[in-house]
Amino acid sequence: MYPKDNDIKGKWSKYQIISVVLSTLIIWPLFFLKLGFPSCHNMIPFISVLGLYLDILGVIIASIEAPYFGLFADGGNVEIKRARIKEKYLKIGLTLIGIGFLFQGIETIISQIYIESPISHFKECLSTAAVRHVEVTEVNKIMNETQTVFLVFFAIIWGVTANVQGRWKAFHWAFICRNVHARRRILPSMIYLNLLPIMYATFALWCLSESNITIKDAWSLSRTLHVMFFGILPAFAGFAPYRLWLSIIEKRPRYYYSKYNGKYITEQNGAKDTPLHITPEASTGNFWAGVGYLAFGMFLLLINCFMKFC
């Protein structure tokens, strides 16, 4: 069928989206955990990492193109429109790459300036940051209320999703040596059901630290709303790993499960297995649901980060 004009548009593949999400979840949590929130004492490495991150985004965006619709007797009109879409994303990607290189160049220049000519204000900023670190060290020995509320709800949600996973036999260790489908399920299960929740919870606990160290009065309405809002809502991202894992499985069910009498099974009891109801059409919906849960939680956590440092 001949495509309409609004059908010819750039399409993000799952690989591209996952690459952006994983890059974000790996680079920035590690930076914040190791060097802290951007300030004058760690601005140089922040500029460098930001430039690298923009380079990654630029490469991914530059690879976006409109899907292929086939050949039509239209004088190449569809292909011309596809080429324009590809050119637009290529320009955006190259622009981001250029900005990324610019940031990395600025980082190199600033590093040389600080090495050759130390600035007194920079030293003063370092000492101020050190004093502040000492002041909050005693407070941060225990979790605050927001962290505690988050962990409680995140653990509940993670437990609920873990209870649902049983029928899918995501970690079918008993059959891993003798069944290829069970082996294929191990890698996505380890990434999405184990590694991703741990990384998100670690990042969340860091973002929620120091969130109320200046509040020393009794529980007020604003304080209660703050704890509930930033403690409960980000925990709902605990549904994201299962949804993302399910979208991968539903996309290629024949790759991850055996078929018996036209129905997918977990290879545990053969004909006696309870059939799995897998609908490949639901893969896209589950994928975007997982991305939405994760993006919403990350957005709230980053807001809390800005609130506590500003």
Protein backbone atom coordinates (compact mmCIF):
# COMPACT_ATOMS: atom_id res chain seq x y z
CA MET A 1 0.00 0.00 0.00
CA TYR A 2 1.28 3.43 -0.94
CA PRO A 3 2.42 5.29 2.21
CA LYS A 4 0.94 8.60 3.30
CA ASP A 5 3.16 11.59 3.98
CA ASN A 6 2.80 11.23 7.77
CA ASP A 7 3.87 7.57 7.50
CA ILE A 8 7.25 8.52 6.05
CA LYS A 9 9.13 9.53 9.17
CA GLY A 10 12.18 8.54 11.12
CA LYS A 11 11.71 5.38 13.14
CA TRP A 12 13.69 4.54 16.25
CA SER A 13 14.59 0.88 16.43
CA LYS A 14 14.54 -0.96 19.74
CA TYR A 15 18.32 -1.32 19.52
CA GLN A 16 18.74 2.46 19.21
CA ILE A 17 16.39 3.17 22.12
CA ILE A 18 18.01 0.56 24.33
CA SER A 19 21.44 1.97 23.47
CA VAL A 20 20.37 5.45 24.59
CA VAL A 21 18.73 4.15 27.77
CA LEU A 22 21.67 1.95 28.74
CA SER A 23 24.20 4.70 27.97
CA THR A 24 22.25 7.08 30.19
CA LEU A 25 21.83 4.55 33.00
CA ILE A 26 25.50 3.57 32.95
CA ILE A 27 27.36 6.84 32.33
CA TRP A 28 25.52 9.31 34.55
CA PRO A 29 24.89 7.14 37.64
CA LEU A 30 28.58 6.18 37.67
CA PHE A 31 29.60 9.81 37.28
CA PHE A 32 27.28 11.01 40.07
CA LEU A 33 28.30 8.17 42.40
CA LYS A 34 32.02 8.67 41.79
CA LEU A 35 32.32 12.46 41.43
CA GLY A 36 29.04 13.84 42.71
CA PHE A 37 26.71 16.41 41.20
CA PRO A 38 28.38 18.91 38.81
CA SER A 39 30.01 21.78 40.68
CA CYS A 40 33.16 23.85 40.43
CA HIS A 41 35.36 21.09 41.87
CA ASN A 42 34.36 18.50 39.25
CA MET A 43 33.29 20.66 36.32
CA ILE A 44 36.23 19.58 34.14
CA PRO A 45 35.39 15.86 34.13
CA PHE A 46 31.69 16.73 33.80
CA ILE A 47 32.35 18.66 30.57
CA SER A 48 34.38 15.73 29.22
CA VAL A 49 31.72 13.14 30.08
CA LEU A 50 28.98 15.37 28.69
CA GLY A 51 30.88 15.66 25.42
CA LEU A 52 31.29 11.88 25.24
CA TYR A 53 27.59 11.38 25.98
CA LEU A 54 26.59 13.82 23.22
CA ASP A 55 28.88 11.94 20.83
CA ILE A 56 27.05 8.69 21.63
CA LEU A 57 23.65 10.33 21.14
CA GLY A 58 24.81 11.91 17.89
CA VAL A 59 26.00 8.59 16.44
CA ILE A 60 22.71 6.89 17.33
CA ILE A 61 20.49 9.70 16.02
CA ALA A 62 22.52 9.93 12.80
CA SER A 63 21.64 6.29 12.09
CA ILE A 64 17.85 6.88 12.22
CA GLU A 65 16.02 6.58 8.93
CA ALA A 66 12.51 6.04 7.61
CA PRO A 67 11.41 2.44 7.01
CA TYR A 68 11.52 0.96 3.52
CA PHE A 69 8.03 0.74 1.95
CA GLY A 70 8.89 -0.93 -1.32
CA LEU A 71 9.06 0.16 -4.95
CA PHE A 72 6.30 2.30 -6.46
CA ALA A 73 5.73 3.79 -9.91
CA ASP A 74 5.86 7.34 -8.57
CA GLY A 75 9.09 8.59 -10.05
CA GLY A 76 10.96 7.83 -6.81
CA ASN A 77 8.86 10.24 -4.73
CA VAL A 78 8.79 7.95 -1.68
CA GLU A 79 12.53 7.37 -1.83
CA ILE A 80 13.17 11.11 -2.09
CA LYS A 81 11.13 11.69 1.06
CA ARG A 82 12.97 8.88 2.84
CA ALA A 83 16.29 10.44 1.83
CA ARG A 84 15.19 13.81 3.24
CA ILE A 85 14.22 12.20 6.55
CA LYS A 86 17.57 10.42 6.72
CA GLU A 87 19.40 13.65 5.89
CA LYS A 88 17.53 15.52 8.66
CA TYR A 89 18.50 13.01 11.34
CA LEU A 90 22.03 12.85 9.96
CA LYS A 91 22.37 16.62 10.38
CA ILE A 92 21.02 16.46 13.94
CA GLY A 93 23.38 13.62 14.80
CA LEU A 94 26.41 15.33 13.29
CA THR A 95 25.52 18.54 15.14
CA LEU A 96 25.44 16.68 18.45
CA ILE A 97 28.73 14.99 17.62
CA GLY A 98 30.25 18.38 16.81
CA ILE A 99 29.01 19.83 20.12
CA GLY A 100 30.38 16.80 21.92
CA PHE A 101 33.82 17.27 20.36
CA LEU A 102 33.61 20.96 21.24
CA PHE A 103 32.97 20.13 24.91
CA GLN A 104 35.86 17.68 24.93
CA GLY A 105 38.11 20.31 23.38
CA ILE A 106 37.03 22.86 26.00
CA GLU A 107 37.77 20.30 28.71
CA THR A 108 41.30 19.82 27.37
CA ILE A 109 41.94 23.58 27.23
CA ILE A 110 40.55 24.20 30.73
CA SER A 111 42.62 21.32 32.10
CA GLN A 112 45.79 22.87 30.72
CA ILE A 113 44.84 26.29 32.15
CA TYR A 114 44.32 24.84 35.63
CA ILE A 115 47.55 22.90 35.42
CA GLU A 116 49.63 25.87 34.27
CA SER A 117 47.89 28.64 36.25
CA PRO A 118 45.91 27.56 39.33
CA ILE A 119 43.08 29.92 40.26
CA SER A 120 42.46 30.93 43.85
CA HIS A 121 38.71 30.83 43.39
CA PHE A 122 38.96 27.23 42.27
CA LYS A 123 40.88 26.35 45.44
CA GLU A 124 38.33 28.17 47.54
CA CYS A 125 35.54 26.24 45.85
CA LEU A 126 37.31 22.98 46.59
CA SER A 127 37.63 23.84 50.27
CA THR A 128 33.96 24.82 50.45
CA ALA A 129 32.95 21.50 48.91
CA ALA A 130 35.15 19.66 51.41
CA VAL A 131 33.55 21.47 54.34
CA ARG A 132 30.10 20.65 53.08
CA HIS A 133 31.08 17.01 52.68
CA VAL A 134 32.17 16.88 56.31
CA GLU A 135 28.92 18.51 57.43
CA VAL A 136 26.70 15.94 55.73
CA THR A 137 28.83 12.88 56.45
CA GLU A 138 27.27 12.26 59.85
CA VAL A 139 23.77 12.74 58.46
CA ASN A 140 24.32 10.30 55.60
CA LYS A 141 25.32 7.40 57.85
CA ILE A 142 21.66 6.34 57.91
CA MET A 143 18.94 6.44 55.27
CA ASN A 144 16.51 9.33 55.33
CA GLU A 145 12.72 9.01 55.18
CA THR A 146 12.48 9.36 51.40
CA GLN A 147 15.03 6.62 50.78
CA THR A 148 13.25 4.32 53.23
CA VAL A 149 9.83 4.86 51.62
CA PHE A 150 11.34 4.30 48.16
CA LEU A 151 13.01 1.04 49.16
CA VAL A 152 9.83 -0.31 50.75
CA PHE A 153 7.69 0.32 47.66
CA PHE A 154 10.43 -0.70 45.22
CA ALA A 155 10.88 -4.00 47.08
CA ILE A 156 7.11 -4.62 46.98
CA ILE A 157 6.90 -3.93 43.24
CA TRP A 158 10.01 -5.99 42.50
CA GLY A 159 8.51 -8.85 44.53
CA VAL A 160 5.21 -8.63 42.64
CA THR A 161 6.94 -8.81 39.25
CA ALA A 162 9.21 -11.63 40.43
CA ASN A 163 6.10 -13.59 41.43
CA VAL A 164 4.69 -13.20 37.91
CA GLN A 165 7.91 -14.33 36.23
CA GLY A 166 7.60 -17.92 37.47
CA ARG A 167 5.46 -19.18 34.60
CA TRP A 168 7.92 -17.82 32.03
CA LYS A 169 10.88 -19.76 33.50
CA ALA A 170 13.18 -16.82 32.81
CA PHE A 171 15.98 -18.49 34.78
CA HIS A 172 15.54 -22.13 33.85
CA TRP A 173 18.82 -23.28 35.34
CA ALA A 174 17.83 -26.95 35.48
CA PHE A 175 17.58 -27.08 31.67
CA ILE A 176 20.34 -24.66 30.74
CA CYS A 177 22.80 -27.40 29.76
CA ARG A 178 20.41 -29.41 27.63
CA ASN A 179 18.01 -26.90 26.11
CA VAL A 180 19.02 -24.13 23.76
CA HIS A 181 15.90 -22.05 24.43
CA ALA A 182 16.58 -22.00 28.17
CA ARG A 183 20.15 -20.82 27.49
CA ARG A 184 18.93 -18.06 25.19
CA ARG A 185 16.64 -16.69 27.91
CA ILE A 186 19.46 -16.36 30.46
CA LEU A 187 21.22 -13.30 29.01
CA PRO A 188 18.18 -11.00 28.64
CA SER A 189 16.90 -12.23 32.00
CA MET A 190 20.16 -11.36 33.74
CA ILE A 191 20.29 -7.91 32.10
CA TYR A 192 16.67 -6.85 32.51
CA LEU A 193 15.51 -8.74 35.60
CA ASN A 194 18.68 -8.56 37.71
CA LEU A 195 21.13 -5.91 36.56
CA LEU A 196 18.70 -3.15 35.53
CA PRO A 197 16.69 -3.12 38.82
CA ILE A 198 19.89 -3.03 40.87
CA MET A 199 21.34 -0.17 38.82
CA TYR A 200 18.11 1.83 39.05
CA ALA A 201 17.76 1.30 42.80
CA THR A 202 21.38 2.33 43.34
CA PHE A 203 20.92 5.49 41.32
CA ALA A 204 17.64 6.25 43.12
CA LEU A 205 19.17 5.92 46.57
CA TRP A 206 21.93 8.31 45.60
CA CYS A 207 19.47 10.83 44.13
CA LEU A 208 17.32 10.66 47.26
CA SER A 209 20.22 11.13 49.67
CA GLU A 210 20.44 14.47 51.50
CA SER A 211 16.86 15.12 50.35
CA ASN A 212 15.78 16.38 53.78
CA ILE A 213 18.96 17.08 55.77
CA THR A 214 17.95 20.71 56.25
CA ILE A 215 14.47 19.88 57.52
CA LYS A 216 14.66 19.59 61.30
CA ASP A 217 11.12 20.50 62.27
CA ALA A 218 8.17 18.18 62.84
CA TRP A 219 6.39 16.50 59.96
CA SER A 220 4.70 19.29 58.02
CA LEU A 221 2.37 18.86 55.06
CA SER A 222 5.06 19.96 52.60
CA ARG A 223 7.60 17.57 54.08
CA THR A 224 5.11 14.69 54.00
CA LEU A 225 4.16 15.39 50.38
CA HIS A 226 7.84 15.58 49.44
CA VAL A 227 8.60 12.20 50.99
CA MET A 228 5.53 10.56 49.47
CA PHE A 229 6.00 12.12 46.02
CA PHE A 230 9.71 11.40 45.61
CA GLY A 231 9.63 8.18 47.61
CA ILE A 232 6.64 6.37 46.12
CA LEU A 233 6.32 7.49 42.50
CA PRO A 234 9.92 6.70 41.40
CA ALA A 235 9.46 3.20 42.84
CA PHE A 236 6.89 2.41 40.14
CA ALA A 237 9.81 2.14 37.72
CA GLY A 238 10.22 -1.30 39.27
CA PHE A 239 7.65 -2.47 36.71
CA ALA A 240 9.92 -1.37 33.83
CA PRO A 241 12.45 -4.26 33.79
CA TYR A 242 9.73 -6.91 33.49
CA ARG A 243 7.93 -5.02 30.74
CA LEU A 244 11.17 -4.53 28.78
CA TRP A 245 12.09 -8.20 29.21
CA LEU A 246 8.60 -9.27 28.09
CA SER A 247 8.85 -7.11 24.96
CA ILE A 248 12.10 -8.86 24.00
CA ILE A 249 10.53 -12.29 24.51
CA GLU A 250 7.35 -11.43 22.63
CA LYS A 251 9.32 -10.02 19.71
CA ARG A 252 10.96 -13.39 18.97
CA PRO A 253 9.01 -16.11 20.80
CA ARG A 254 10.32 -18.93 18.61
CA TYR A 255 13.87 -17.97 19.57
CA TYR A 256 13.26 -18.19 23.32
CA TYR A 257 10.66 -20.98 23.63
CA SER A 258 9.83 -24.33 22.07
CA LYS A 259 6.56 -25.04 20.34
CA TYR A 260 4.36 -28.08 21.00
CA ASN A 261 1.10 -28.60 19.08
CA GLY A 262 1.20 -24.96 17.98
CA LYS A 263 1.65 -23.59 21.51
CA TYR A 264 4.75 -22.26 23.27
CA ILE A 265 6.00 -24.24 26.26
CA THR A 266 8.84 -23.96 28.79
CA GLU A 267 10.26 -27.45 28.01
CA GLN A 268 9.75 -28.60 31.60
CA ASN A 269 7.21 -31.37 31.17
CA GLY A 270 6.73 -31.52 27.41
CA ALA A 271 3.10 -32.22 26.56
CA LYS A 272 2.10 -31.64 30.19
CA ASP A 273 3.46 -28.08 30.17
CA THR A 274 1.04 -25.24 30.71
CA PRO A 275 0.93 -23.35 27.38
CA LEU A 276 2.31 -19.82 27.39
CA HIS A 277 0.08 -17.16 25.90
CA ILE A 278 2.54 -15.08 23.88
CA THR A 279 1.23 -12.36 21.59
CA PRO A 280 3.97 -10.83 19.39
CA GLU A 281 1.67 -7.88 18.69
CA ALA A 282 1.99 -6.82 22.35
CA SER A 283 5.79 -6.50 22.13
CA THR A 284 5.76 -2.83 21.11
CA GLY A 285 3.20 -1.89 23.76
CA ASN A 286 5.17 -3.58 26.54
CA PHE A 287 8.38 -1.97 25.33
CA TRP A 288 6.99 1.55 25.45
CA ALA A 289 5.30 0.84 28.78
CA GLY A 290 8.68 -0.18 30.21
CA VAL A 291 10.42 2.86 28.75
CA GLY A 292 7.64 5.09 30.12
CA TYR A 293 7.91 3.67 33.64
CA LEU A 294 11.70 4.06 33.60
CA ALA A 295 11.71 7.56 32.08
CA PHE A 296 9.08 8.82 34.55
CA GLY A 297 11.03 7.50 37.54
CA MET A 298 14.33 8.91 36.26
CA PHE A 299 12.68 12.27 35.61
CA LEU A 300 11.43 12.55 39.21
CA LEU A 301 14.77 11.47 40.62
CA LEU A 302 16.64 14.07 38.56
CA ILE A 303 14.19 16.74 39.74
CA ASN A 304 15.00 15.76 43.33
CA CYS A 305 18.70 16.00 42.51
CA PHE A 306 18.33 19.55 41.27
CA MET A 307 16.22 20.48 44.29
CA LYS A 308 18.74 19.23 46.80
CA PHE A 309 21.77 20.83 45.14
CA CYS A 310 20.25 24.17 44.19
